[in-house]
Structure formats: structure tokens, C-alpha cells
PDB file of N, CA and C in Angstrom:
ATOM      1  N   UNK A   1       0.703  -1.129  -0.073  1.00  0.00           N
ATOM      2  CA  UNK A   1       0.129  -0.082  -0.489  1.00  0.00           C
ATOM      3  C   UNK A   1       1.103   1.182  -0.107  1.00  0.00           C
ATOM      4  N   UNK A   2       0.799   2.220  -1.117  1.00  0.00           N
ATOM      5  CA  UNK A   2       1.494   3.720  -0.663  1.00  0.00           C
ATOM      6  C   UNK A   2       0.560   4.465  -0.693  1.00  0.00           C
ATOM      7  N   UNK A   3       1.388   5.300   0.356  1.00  0.00           N
ATOM      8  CA  UNK A   3       1.129   6.877   1.235  1.00  0.00           C
ATOM      9  C   UNK A   3       1.165   7.336  -0.277  1.00  0.00           C
ATOM     10  N   UNK A   4       0.137   8.581   0.257  1.00  0.00           N
ATOM     11  CA  UNK A   4      -0.548  10.082  -0.871  1.00  0.00           C
ATOM     12  C   UNK A   4       0.051  10.669   0.707  1.00  0.00           C
ATOM     13  N   UNK A   5       0.521  12.342  -0.193  1.00  0.00           N
ATOM     14  CA  UNK A   5       1.508  12.066  -0.851  1.00  0.00           C
ATOM     15  C   UNK A   5       3.013  11.196  -0.553  1.00  0.00           C
ATOM     16  N   UNK A   6       3.586  10.828  -1.311  1.00  0.00           N
ATOM     17  CA  UNK A   6       4.762   9.638  -1.586  1.00  0.00           C
ATOM     18  C   UNK A   6       6.127  10.708  -1.420  1.00  0.00           C
ATOM     19  N   UNK A   7       7.234  10.489  -0.894  1.00  0.00           N
ATOM     20  CA  UNK A   7       8.217  11.581  -1.052  1.00  0.00           C
ATOM     21  C   UNK A   7       8.388  12.236  -2.266  1.00  0.00           C
ATOM     22  N   UNK A   8       8.581  11.493  -3.499  1.00  0.00           N
ATOM     23  CA  UNK A   8       8.826  11.659  -4.555  1.00  0.00           C
ATOM     24  C   UNK A   8       8.032  13.088  -5.128  1.00  0.00           C
ATOM     25  N   UNK A   9       6.616  12.845  -5.141  1.00  0.00           N
ATOM     26  CA  UNK A   9       5.989  13.821  -5.433  1.00  0.00           C
ATOM     27  C   UNK A   9       5.708  15.330  -4.609  1.00  0.00           C
ATOM     28  N   UNK A  10       5.941  15.197  -2.859  1.00  0.00           N
ATOM     29  CA  UNK A  10       6.653  16.044  -2.108  1.00  0.00           C
ATOM     30  C   UNK A  10       7.731  17.038  -2.695  1.00  0.00           C
ATOM     31  N   UNK A  11       8.853  16.469  -3.260  1.00  0.00           N
ATOM     32  CA  UNK A  11      10.222  16.919  -3.663  1.00  0.00           C
ATOM     33  C   UNK A  11       9.876  17.725  -4.350  1.00  0.00           C
ATOM     34  N   UNK A  12       9.014  16.843  -5.776  1.00  0.00           N
ATOM     35  CA  UNK A  12       8.870  17.286  -6.973  1.00  0.00           C
ATOM     36  C   UNK A  12       8.097  19.158  -6.750  1.00  0.00           C
ATOM     37  N   UNK A  13       7.503  18.433  -5.675  1.00  0.00           N
ATOM     38  CA  UNK A  13       6.523  20.134  -5.781  1.00  0.00           C
ATOM     39  C   UNK A  13       7.500  21.539  -4.758  1.00  0.00           C
ATOM     40  N   UNK A  14       8.302  20.946  -3.709  1.00  0.00           N
ATOM     41  CA  UNK A  14       9.017  21.776  -3.426  1.00  0.00           C
ATOM     42  C   UNK A  14       9.939  22.347  -4.337  1.00  0.00           C
ATOM     43  N   UNK A  15      10.480  21.560  -5.278  1.00  0.00           N
ATOM     44  CA  UNK A  15      11.826  22.266  -6.551  1.00  0.00           C
ATOM     45  C   UNK A  15      10.853  22.889  -7.131  1.00  0.00           C
ATOM     46  N   UNK A  16       9.848  22.882  -7.713  1.00  0.00           N
ATOM     47  CA  UNK A  16       8.542  23.992  -8.610  1.00  0.00           C
ATOM     48  C   UNK A  16       8.370  25.421  -8.094  1.00  0.00           C
ATOM     49  N   UNK A  17       7.764  24.665  -6.847  1.00  0.00           N
ATOM     50  CA  UNK A  17       7.444  25.856  -6.087  1.00  0.00           C
ATOM     51  C   UNK A  17       6.341  27.039  -6.814  1.00  0.00           C
ATOM     52  N   UNK A  18       5.772  26.630  -7.461  1.00  0.00           N
ATOM     53  CA  UNK A  18       4.604  27.374  -8.537  1.00  0.00           C
ATOM     54  C   UNK A  18       3.634  27.608  -7.392  1.00  0.00           C
ATOM     55  N   UNK A  19       2.864  28.406  -8.052  1.00  0.00           N
ATOM     56  CA  UNK A  19       1.481  28.917  -7.078  1.00  0.00           C
ATOM     57  C   UNK A  19       1.117  28.052  -6.603  1.00  0.00           C
ATOM     58  N   UNK A  20       0.661  26.791  -7.358  1.00  0.00           N
ATOM     59  CA  UNK A  20      -0.438  24.981  -7.491  1.00  0.00           C
ATOM     60  C   UNK A  20       0.912  24.835  -6.486  1.00  0.00           C
ATOM     61  N   UNK A  21       2.001  24.277  -6.399  1.00  0.00           N
ATOM     62  CA  UNK A  21       2.583  23.886  -5.895  1.00  0.00           C
ATOM     63  C   UNK A  21       2.829  24.148  -4.538  1.00  0.00           C
ATOM     64  N   UNK A  22       2.579  25.688  -4.209  1.00  0.00           N
ATOM     65  CA  UNK A  22       2.847  26.403  -2.744  1.00  0.00           C
ATOM     66  C   UNK A  22       1.468  26.151  -2.109  1.00  0.00           C
ATOM     67  N   UNK A  23       0.070  25.878  -3.053  1.00  0.00           N
ATOM     68  CA  UNK A  23      -1.166  25.896  -2.031  1.00  0.00           C
ATOM     69  C   UNK A  23      -1.267  24.200  -1.720  1.00  0.00           C
ATOM     70  N   UNK A  24      -1.127  23.483  -2.669  1.00  0.00           N
ATOM     71  CA  UNK A  24      -0.463  21.674  -2.279  1.00  0.00           C
ATOM     72  C   UNK A  24       0.548  21.549  -0.661  1.00  0.00           C
ATOM     73  N   UNK A  25       1.607  22.418  -0.783  1.00  0.00           N
ATOM     74  CA  UNK A  25       2.461  22.138   0.570  1.00  0.00           C
ATOM     75  C   UNK A  25       1.924  23.206   2.131  1.00  0.00           C
ATOM     76  N   UNK A  26       1.105  23.764   1.689  1.00  0.00           N
ATOM     77  CA  UNK A  26       0.544  24.597   2.626  1.00  0.00           C
ATOM     78  C   UNK A  26      -0.573  23.677   3.499  1.00  0.00           C
ATOM     79  N   UNK A  27      -1.068  22.842   2.586  1.00  0.00           N
ATOM     80  CA  UNK A  27      -2.296  22.072   2.876  1.00  0.00           C
ATOM     81  C   UNK A  27      -1.508  21.018   3.615  1.00  0.00           C
ATOM     82  N   UNK A  28      -0.202  20.579   3.216  1.00  0.00           N
ATOM     83  CA  UNK A  28       0.491  19.672   3.918  1.00  0.00           C
ATOM     84  C   UNK A  28       0.657  19.833   5.434  1.00  0.00           C
ATOM     85  N   UNK A  29       1.246  21.580   5.584  1.00  0.00           N
ATOM     86  CA  UNK A  29       1.723  21.554   6.673  1.00  0.00           C
ATOM     87  C   UNK A  29       0.427  22.235   7.510  1.00  0.00           C
ATOM     88  N   UNK A  30      -1.066  21.704   6.870  1.00  0.00           N
ATOM     89  CA  UNK A  30      -2.175  22.296   7.764  1.00  0.00           C
ATOM     90  C   UNK A  30      -1.958  20.524   8.306  1.00  0.00           C
ATOM     91  N   UNK A  31      -2.038  19.510   7.805  1.00  0.00           N
ATOM     92  CA  UNK A  31      -2.310  18.110   8.251  1.00  0.00           C
ATOM     93  C   UNK A  31      -0.926  17.245   9.114  1.00  0.00           C
ATOM     94  N   UNK A  32      -1.293  17.169  10.777  1.00  0.00           N
ATOM     95  CA  UNK A  32      -0.112  16.986  11.108  1.00  0.00           C
ATOM     96  C   UNK A  32      -0.119  15.704  10.944  1.00  0.00           C
ATOM     97  N   UNK A  33      -0.840  14.681  10.225  1.00  0.00           N
ATOM     98  CA  UNK A  33      -0.441  13.394   9.513  1.00  0.00           C
ATOM     99  C   UNK A  33       0.032  13.213   8.855  1.00  0.00           C
ATOM    100  N   UNK A  34       0.509  14.361   7.635  1.00  0.00           N
ATOM    101  CA  UNK A  34       1.580  14.175   6.818  1.00  0.00           C
ATOM    102  C   UNK A  34       2.711  14.617   7.134  1.00  0.00           C
ATOM    103  N   UNK A  35       3.175  14.962   8.182  1.00  0.00           N
ATOM    104  CA  UNK A  35       4.239  15.549   8.845  1.00  0.00           C
ATOM    105  C   UNK A  35       5.583  15.007   7.829  1.00  0.00           C
ATOM    106  N   UNK A  36       5.708  13.557   7.927  1.00  0.00           N
ATOM    107  CA  UNK A  36       6.518  12.340   8.192  1.00  0.00           C
ATOM    108  C   UNK A  36       6.934  12.873   6.448  1.00  0.00           C
ATOM    109  N   UNK A  37       5.667  12.294   5.870  1.00  0.00           N
ATOM    110  CA  UNK A  37       5.930  12.720   4.155  1.00  0.00           C
ATOM    111  C   UNK A  37       6.435  13.643   3.957  1.00  0.00           C
ATOM    112  N   UNK A  38       6.182  15.560   4.304  1.00  0.00           N
ATOM    113  CA  UNK A  38       6.265  16.461   3.734  1.00  0.00           C
ATOM    114  C   UNK A  38       8.339  16.233   4.330  1.00  0.00           C
ATOM    115  N   UNK A  39       8.450  16.100   5.689  1.00  0.00           N
ATOM    116  CA  UNK A  39       9.997  15.667   5.611  1.00  0.00           C
ATOM    117  C   UNK A  39      10.527  14.717   4.936  1.00  0.00           C
ATOM    118  N   UNK A  40      10.220  13.682   4.421  1.00  0.00           N
ATOM    119  CA  UNK A  40      11.168  12.714   3.593  1.00  0.00           C
ATOM    120  C   UNK A  40      10.724  13.501   2.324  1.00  0.00           C
ATOM    121  N   UNK A  41      10.306  14.389   1.605  1.00  0.00           N
ATOM    122  CA  UNK A  41       9.888  14.637   0.533  1.00  0.00           C
ATOM    123  C   UNK A  41      11.400  16.291   0.395  1.00  0.00           C
ATOM    124  N   UNK A  42      11.068  16.708   1.719  1.00  0.00           N
ATOM    125  CA  UNK A  42      12.078  17.417   1.775  1.00  0.00           C
ATOM    126  C   UNK A  42      13.350  16.782   1.716  1.00  0.00           C
ATOM    127  N   UNK A  43      13.619  15.569   2.651  1.00  0.00           N
ATOM    128  CA  UNK A  43      15.307  15.145   2.639  1.00  0.00           C
ATOM    129  C   UNK A  43      15.602  15.001   1.327  1.00  0.00           C
ATOM    130  N   UNK A  44      14.563  14.373  -0.035  1.00  0.00           N
ATOM    131  CA  UNK A  44      14.929  13.908  -1.258  1.00  0.00           C
ATOM    132  C   UNK A  44      15.121  15.012  -1.687  1.00  0.00           C
ATOM    133  N   UNK A  45      14.702  16.487  -1.544  1.00  0.00           N
ATOM    134  CA  UNK A  45      14.494  17.575  -2.397  1.00  0.00           C
ATOM    135  C   UNK A  45      16.379  17.653  -2.385  1.00  0.00           C
ATOM    136  N   UNK A  46      16.807  17.741  -0.650  1.00  0.00           N
ATOM    137  CA  UNK A  46      18.059  18.022  -0.754  1.00  0.00           C
ATOM    138  C   UNK A  46      19.395  17.872  -0.858  1.00  0.00           C
ATOM    139  N   UNK A  47      18.722  16.277  -1.179  1.00  0.00           N
ATOM    140  CA  UNK A  47      19.333  15.155  -1.673  1.00  0.00           C
ATOM    141  C   UNK A  47      19.655  15.258  -3.424  1.00  0.00           C
ATOM    142  N   UNK A  48      18.533  15.553  -3.774  1.00  0.00           N
ATOM    143  CA  UNK A  48      18.652  15.746  -5.601  1.00  0.00           C
ATOM    144  C   UNK A  48      19.404  17.172  -5.688  1.00  0.00           C
ATOM    145  N   UNK A  49      19.453  18.004  -4.897  1.00  0.00           N
ATOM    146  CA  UNK A  49      19.847  19.806  -4.787  1.00  0.00           C
ATOM    147  C   UNK A  49      21.322  18.987  -4.649  1.00  0.00           C
ATOM    148  N   UNK A  50      21.431  18.375  -3.876  1.00  0.00           N
ATOM    149  CA  UNK A  50      23.907  18.521  -3.432  1.00  0.00           C
ATOM    150  C   UNK A  50      23.946  17.283  -4.313  1.00  0.00           C
ATOM    151  N   UNK A  51      23.710  16.527  -5.469  1.00  0.00           N
ATOM    152  CA  UNK A  51      23.760  15.751  -6.437  1.00  0.00           C
ATOM    153  C   UNK A  51      23.964  16.346  -7.805  1.00  0.00           C
ATOM    154  N   UNK A  52      23.305  17.743  -8.130  1.00  0.00           N
ATOM    155  CA  UNK A  52      23.270  18.243  -8.947  1.00  0.00           C
ATOM    156  C   UNK A  52      24.347  18.114  -9.343  1.00  0.00           C
ATOM    157  N   UNK A  53      24.770  18.858 -10.902  1.00  0.00           N
ATOM    158  CA  UNK A  53      26.138  19.017 -10.880  1.00  0.00           C
ATOM    159  C   UNK A  53      26.080  20.952 -10.888  1.00  0.00           C
ATOM    160  N   UNK A  54      25.039  21.487 -11.089  1.00  0.00           N
ATOM    161  CA  UNK A  54      25.102  22.792 -10.726  1.00  0.00           C
ATOM    162  C   UNK A  54      24.272  23.135  -9.612  1.00  0.00           C
ATOM    163  N   UNK A  55      25.126  23.899  -8.227  1.00  0.00           N
ATOM    164  CA  UNK A  55      24.289  24.004  -7.221  1.00  0.00           C
ATOM    165  C   UNK A  55      23.650  25.596  -7.292  1.00  0.00           C
ATOM    166  N   UNK A  56      22.110  25.739  -7.375  1.00  0.00           N
ATOM    167  CA  UNK A  56      21.428  26.693  -7.797  1.00  0.00           C
ATOM    168  C   UNK A  56      21.130  27.246  -5.879  1.00  0.00           C
ATOM    169  N   UNK A  57      22.309  28.039  -5.570  1.00  0.00           N
ATOM    170  CA  UNK A  57      21.834  28.024  -3.905  1.00  0.00           C
ATOM    171  C   UNK A  57      21.340  29.405  -3.425  1.00  0.00           C
ATOM    172  N   UNK A  58      20.878  29.837  -4.785  1.00  0.00           N
ATOM    173  CA  UNK A  58      19.816  31.594  -4.590  1.00  0.00           C
ATOM    174  C   UNK A  58      18.683  30.418  -4.322  1.00  0.00           C
ATOM    175  N   UNK A  59      18.165  29.577  -5.387  1.00  0.00           N
ATOM    176  CA  UNK A  59      16.809  28.743  -5.138  1.00  0.00           C
ATOM    177  C   UNK A  59      16.671  27.704  -3.920  1.00  0.00           C
ATOM    178  N   UNK A  60      17.905  27.653  -3.445  1.00  0.00           N
ATOM    179  CA  UNK A  60      17.475  26.733  -2.478  1.00  0.00           C
ATOM    180  C   UNK A  60      17.511  27.776  -1.326  1.00  0.00           C
ATOM    181  N   UNK A  61      17.828  28.954  -1.101  1.00  0.00           N
ATOM    182  CA  UNK A  61      17.622  29.898   0.379  1.00  0.00           C
ATOM    183  C   UNK A  61      16.733  30.519  -0.288  1.00  0.00           C
ATOM    184  N   UNK A  62      15.706  30.423  -0.762  1.00  0.00           N
ATOM    185  CA  UNK A  62      14.541  31.204  -1.379  1.00  0.00           C
ATOM    186  C   UNK A  62      13.806  30.165  -0.690  1.00  0.00           C
ATOM    187  N   UNK A  63      13.737  28.976  -1.200  1.00  0.00           N
ATOM    188  CA  UNK A  63      12.833  27.708  -0.772  1.00  0.00           C
ATOM    189  C   UNK A  63      12.992  27.696   0.794  1.00  0.00           C
ATOM    190  N   UNK A  64      14.426  27.880   1.223  1.00  0.00           N
ATOM    191  CA  UNK A  64      14.209  27.572   2.955  1.00  0.00           C
ATOM    192  C   UNK A  64      13.824  28.406   3.524  1.00  0.00           C
ATOM    193  N   UNK A  65      13.575  30.186   2.911  1.00  0.00           N
ATOM    194  CA  UNK A  65      12.980  30.858   3.445  1.00  0.00           C
ATOM    195  C   UNK A  65      11.716  30.631   3.125  1.00  0.00           C
ATOM    196  N   UNK A  66      11.353  30.097   2.184  1.00  0.00           N
ATOM    197  CA  UNK A  66       9.686  30.206   2.105  1.00  0.00           C
ATOM    198  C   UNK A  66       8.798  28.961   2.781  1.00  0.00           C
ATOM    199  N   UNK A  67       9.723  28.236   2.995  1.00  0.00           N
ATOM    200  CA  UNK A  67       9.465  27.158   3.619  1.00  0.00           C
ATOM    201  C   UNK A  67       9.185  27.609   5.439  1.00  0.00           C
ATOM    202  N   UNK A  68      10.116  28.438   5.862  1.00  0.00           N
ATOM    203  CA  UNK A  68      10.442  28.868   6.856  1.00  0.00           C
ATOM    204  C   UNK A  68       9.144  30.164   7.345  1.00  0.00           C
ATOM    205  N   UNK A  69       8.754  30.786   6.439  1.00  0.00           N
ATOM    206  CA  UNK A  69       7.901  31.586   6.658  1.00  0.00           C
ATOM    207  C   UNK A  69       6.324  30.924   6.736  1.00  0.00           C
ATOM    208  N   UNK A  70       6.040  29.785   6.249  1.00  0.00           N
ATOM    209  CA  UNK A  70       4.810  29.284   5.543  1.00  0.00           C
ATOM    210  C   UNK A  70       4.574  28.154   6.774  1.00  0.00           C
ATOM    211  N   UNK A  71       5.480  27.698   7.457  1.00  0.00           N
ATOM    212  CA  UNK A  71       5.724  26.206   8.074  1.00  0.00           C
ATOM    213  C   UNK A  71       4.920  26.535   8.911  1.00  0.00           C
ATOM    214  N   UNK A  72       4.225  25.658  10.035  1.00  0.00           N
ATOM    215  CA  UNK A  72       3.682  25.627  11.376  1.00  0.00           C
ATOM    216  C   UNK A  72       4.416  25.951  12.775  1.00  0.00           C
ATOM    217  N   UNK A  73       4.533  25.961  13.694  1.00  0.00           N
ATOM    218  CA  UNK A  73       5.643  25.717  14.449  1.00  0.00           C
ATOM    219  C   UNK A  73       6.195  24.638  14.755  1.00  0.00           C
ATOM    220  N   UNK A  74       4.911  23.896  14.906  1.00  0.00           N
ATOM    221  CA  UNK A  74       5.107  22.362  14.980  1.00  0.00           C
ATOM    222  C   UNK A  74       6.541  21.664  14.453  1.00  0.00           C
ATOM    223  N   UNK A  75       6.575  22.346  13.310  1.00  0.00           N
ATOM    224  CA  UNK A  75       7.429  21.588  12.165  1.00  0.00           C
ATOM    225  C   UNK A  75       9.006  22.550  12.137  1.00  0.00           C
ATOM    226  N   UNK A  76       8.750  23.659  12.659  1.00  0.00           N
ATOM    227  CA  UNK A  76      10.331  24.488  12.689  1.00  0.00           C
ATOM    228  C   UNK A  76      11.896  23.758  13.212  1.00  0.00           C
ATOM    229  N   UNK A  77      11.477  22.711  14.453  1.00  0.00           N
ATOM    230  CA  UNK A  77      12.621  22.135  14.924  1.00  0.00           C
ATOM    231  C   UNK A  77      12.874  21.403  13.962  1.00  0.00           C
ATOM    232  N   UNK A  78      12.305  20.462  12.990  1.00  0.00           N
ATOM    233  CA  UNK A  78      12.167  18.743  12.362  1.00  0.00           C
ATOM    234  C   UNK A  78      12.931  19.586  11.032  1.00  0.00           C
ATOM    235  N   UNK A  79      12.391  21.205  10.706  1.00  0.00           N
ATOM    236  CA  UNK A  79      12.463  21.068   9.594  1.00  0.00           C
ATOM    237  C   UNK A  79      14.475  22.201   9.873  1.00  0.00           C
ATOM    238  N   UNK A  80      14.590  22.878  10.535  1.00  0.00           N
ATOM    239  CA  UNK A  80      16.105  23.219  11.400  1.00  0.00           C
ATOM    240  C   UNK A  80      17.119  21.823  11.291  1.00  0.00           C
ATOM    241  N   UNK A  81      16.668  20.128  12.159  1.00  0.00           N
ATOM    242  CA  UNK A  81      17.624  19.617  12.209  1.00  0.00           C
ATOM    243  C   UNK A  81      17.401  18.762  10.451  1.00  0.00           C
ATOM    244  N   UNK A  82      16.469  19.072   9.266  1.00  0.00           N
ATOM    245  CA  UNK A  82      16.267  18.707   8.648  1.00  0.00           C
ATOM    246  C   UNK A  82      17.811  19.317   7.823  1.00  0.00           C
ATOM    247  N   UNK A  83      17.852  20.722   7.561  1.00  0.00           N
ATOM    248  CA  UNK A  83      18.698  21.571   7.026  1.00  0.00           C
ATOM    249  C   UNK A  83      20.251  21.211   7.584  1.00  0.00           C
ATOM    250  N   UNK A  84      20.745  21.147   8.936  1.00  0.00           N
ATOM    251  CA  UNK A  84      21.520  20.531   9.851  1.00  0.00           C
ATOM    252  C   UNK A  84      21.927  19.165   9.424  1.00  0.00           C
ATOM    253  N   UNK A  85      21.728  18.412   9.004  1.00  0.00           N
ATOM    254  CA  UNK A  85      22.013  16.609   8.578  1.00  0.00           C
ATOM    255  C   UNK A  85      22.882  16.649   7.916  1.00  0.00           C
ATOM    256  N   UNK A  86      23.620  17.796   7.254  1.00  0.00           N
ATOM    257  CA  UNK A  86      24.406  17.821   5.931  1.00  0.00           C
ATOM    258  C   UNK A  86      25.520  19.172   6.478  1.00  0.00           C
ATOM    259  N   UNK A  87      27.058  18.393   5.833  1.00  0.00           N
ATOM    260  CA  UNK A  87      27.492  20.107   5.604  1.00  0.00           C
ATOM    261  C   UNK A  87      27.683  20.122   4.152  1.00  0.00           C
ATOM    262  N   UNK A  88      26.795  19.450   3.156  1.00  0.00           N
ATOM    263  CA  UNK A  88      26.533  19.914   2.195  1.00  0.00           C
ATOM    264  C   UNK A  88      26.503  21.428   1.726  1.00  0.00           C
ATOM    265  N   UNK A  89      27.267  22.179   1.177  1.00  0.00           N
ATOM    266  CA  UNK A  89      26.815  23.244   0.312  1.00  0.00           C
ATOM    267  C   UNK A  89      24.786  23.699   0.329  1.00  0.00           C
ATOM    268  N   UNK A  90      24.180  22.397  -0.618  1.00  0.00           N
ATOM    269  CA  UNK A  90      23.010  22.568  -0.834  1.00  0.00           C
ATOM    270  C   UNK A  90      21.898  22.556   0.653  1.00  0.00           C
ATOM    271  N   UNK A  91      22.638  21.794   1.314  1.00  0.00           N
ATOM    272  CA  UNK A  91      21.882  21.748   2.583  1.00  0.00           C
ATOM    273  C   UNK A  91      22.198  23.292   3.328  1.00  0.00           C
ATOM    274  N   UNK A  92      23.085  24.048   3.461  1.00  0.00           N
ATOM    275  CA  UNK A  92      23.475  24.964   3.924  1.00  0.00           C
ATOM    276  C   UNK A  92      23.210  26.319   3.412  1.00  0.00           C
ATOM    277  N   UNK A  93      22.776  26.059   1.948  1.00  0.00           N
ATOM    278  CA  UNK A  93      22.290  27.332   1.219  1.00  0.00           C
ATOM    279  C   UNK A  93      20.061  27.708   2.169  1.00  0.00           C
ATOM    280  N   UNK A  94      20.283  26.136   1.901  1.00  0.00           N
ATOM    281  CA  UNK A  94      18.820  25.971   2.446  1.00  0.00           C
ATOM    282  C   UNK A  94      18.717  26.445   3.711  1.00  0.00           C
ATOM    283  N   UNK A  95      19.623  25.803   4.732  1.00  0.00           N
ATOM    284  CA  UNK A  95      19.377  26.557   5.967  1.00  0.00           C
ATOM    285  C   UNK A  95      19.693  27.890   5.986  1.00  0.00           C
ATOM    286  N   UNK A  96      20.562  28.440   5.360  1.00  0.00           N
ATOM    287  CA  UNK A  96      20.386  30.161   5.390  1.00  0.00           C
ATOM    288  C   UNK A  96      19.232  30.640   5.245  1.00  0.00           C
ATOM    289  N   UNK A  97      18.177  29.877   3.809  1.00  0.00           N
ATOM    290  CA  UNK A  97      16.899  30.868   3.996  1.00  0.00           C
ATOM    291  C   UNK A  97      16.253  30.550   5.269  1.00  0.00           C
ATOM    292  N   UNK A  98      16.345  28.749   5.485  1.00  0.00           N
ATOM    293  CA  UNK A  98      15.745  28.943   6.509  1.00  0.00           C
ATOM    294  C   UNK A  98      15.645  30.217   7.852  1.00  0.00           C
ATOM    295  N   UNK A  99      16.565  29.757   8.819  1.00  0.00           N
ATOM    296  CA  UNK A  99      17.377  30.861   9.206  1.00  0.00           C
ATOM    297  C   UNK A  99      16.800  32.285   9.221  1.00  0.00           C
ATOM    298  N   UNK A 100      16.591  32.398   7.642  1.00  0.00           N
ATOM    299  CA  UNK A 100      16.349  34.100   7.333  1.00  0.00           C
ATOM    300  C   UNK A 100      15.043  34.318   7.278  1.00  0.00           C
ATOM    301  N   UNK A 101      13.985  33.257   7.685  1.00  0.00           N
ATOM    302  CA  UNK A 101      12.951  33.578   7.650  1.00  0.00           C
ATOM    303  C   UNK A 101      12.800  33.948   8.948  1.00  0.00           C
ATOM    304  N   UNK A 102      13.194  33.181   9.959  1.00  0.00           N
ATOM    305  CA  UNK A 102      12.697  33.511  11.723  1.00  0.00           C
ATOM    306  C   UNK A 102      11.578  32.537  11.850  1.00  0.00           C
ATOM    307  N   UNK A 103      11.828  31.491  10.722  1.00  0.00           N
ATOM    308  CA  UNK A 103      10.219  31.016  11.604  1.00  0.00           C
ATOM    309  C   UNK A 103      10.754  30.154  13.464  1.00  0.00           C
ATOM    310  N   UNK A 104      12.170  29.181  13.396  1.00  0.00           N
ATOM    311  CA  UNK A 104      12.000  29.083  14.388  1.00  0.00           C
ATOM    312  C   UNK A 104      11.768  29.992  15.756  1.00  0.00           C
ATOM    313  N   UNK A 105      12.680  31.623  15.754  1.00  0.00           N
ATOM    314  CA  UNK A 105      12.672  32.080  16.300  1.00  0.00           C
ATOM    315  C   UNK A 105      11.016  32.736  16.715  1.00  0.00           C
ATOM    316  N   UNK A 106      10.284  32.553  15.497  1.00  0.00           N
ATOM    317  CA  UNK A 106       8.536  33.116  15.930  1.00  0.00           C
ATOM    318  C   UNK A 106       7.771  31.759  16.584  1.00  0.00           C
ATOM    319  N   UNK A 107       8.358  30.581  16.243  1.00  0.00           N
ATOM    320  CA  UNK A 107       8.123  29.297  16.844  1.00  0.00           C
ATOM    321  C   UNK A 107       7.986  29.445  18.417  1.00  0.00           C
ATOM    322  N   UNK A 108       9.667  29.432  18.827  1.00  0.00           N
ATOM    323  CA  UNK A 108       9.898  29.386  20.032  1.00  0.00           C
ATOM    324  C   UNK A 108      10.971  30.640  20.798  1.00  0.00           C
ATOM    325  N   UNK A 109      10.177  31.115  20.621  1.00  0.00           N
ATOM    326  CA  UNK A 109      11.154  33.145  21.256  1.00  0.00           C
ATOM    327  C   UNK A 109      11.626  33.009  22.561  1.00  0.00           C
ATOM    328  N   UNK A 110      12.929  34.261  22.375  1.00  0.00           N
ATOM    329  CA  UNK A 110      13.604  33.824  23.478  1.00  0.00           C
ATOM    330  C   UNK A 110      12.927  33.993  24.849  1.00  0.00           C
ATOM    331  N   UNK A 111      13.273  33.664  26.128  1.00  0.00           N
ATOM    332  CA  UNK A 111      12.622  33.904  27.288  1.00  0.00           C
ATOM    333  C   UNK A 111      13.344  35.326  27.373  1.00  0.00           C
ATOM    334  N   UNK A 112      12.535  35.935  27.937  1.00  0.00           N
ATOM    335  CA  UNK A 112      13.253  37.300  28.978  1.00  0.00           C
ATOM    336  C   UNK A 112      13.719  37.568  29.901  1.00  0.00           C
ATOM    337  N   UNK A 113      14.905  36.835  30.470  1.00  0.00           N
ATOM    338  CA  UNK A 113      15.248  36.528  31.406  1.00  0.00           C
ATOM    339  C   UNK A 113      16.469  37.396  32.211  1.00  0.00           C
TER     340      UNK A 113
END
């Protein structure tokens, strides 16, 4: 039995990131039961980008920034873990955009001590 969406579908949607793809990803963000499929697709997208002959770091940064801005608080830590899971420049570019979005800081603000 296959699960929908599968990681290939999610990775394709992240790679394209057109209006329809963004709406699809927002729907996944709103469905907690789809978190694992979303993250598996993100890992596949980043692995594919790291294996590509040309590294489009600007696109990876923009993708990280968009995902960081759109993803709910429950996903922010897992997204950052995914971005930090490799030292490859593709992961670093995605991590840069994710950090720039400020999603993790919005989800977990610093304590006023």
C-alpha cells in the first residue's frame, strides 16, 4: 500500500514551488498526519540538489525562506534538523534561507530572563 503524497511527489512540489505547488504544500503544513511525508520529501529534494552538477544556492535559499515563513511552529525544529543534517553547500544554502525566515524564533521566542 502506498502513502499519498509520497516523498517523490513532495520533492517535486518543493522543487517547482509554483502557485499550485505552494497551495499543495500549505495543505500539507495544515495536516499534522502528513509531517513525515513532507520531511521525507524535503530530504529527497535536498539530496537531489546536493547531487546536481550545478548548485543553485539562490533557489535553495529562497525555498528555505518560503518554507520557514509558511510552516507551522510544530515543524520548525524538524525543518532546522533537516537543514543541519549535512555539511553539503546545498543544505547550507537551504539552512541560510530557513534561518533568515525567522520561523524558529517565532515558534520558540527567547525567554526574557
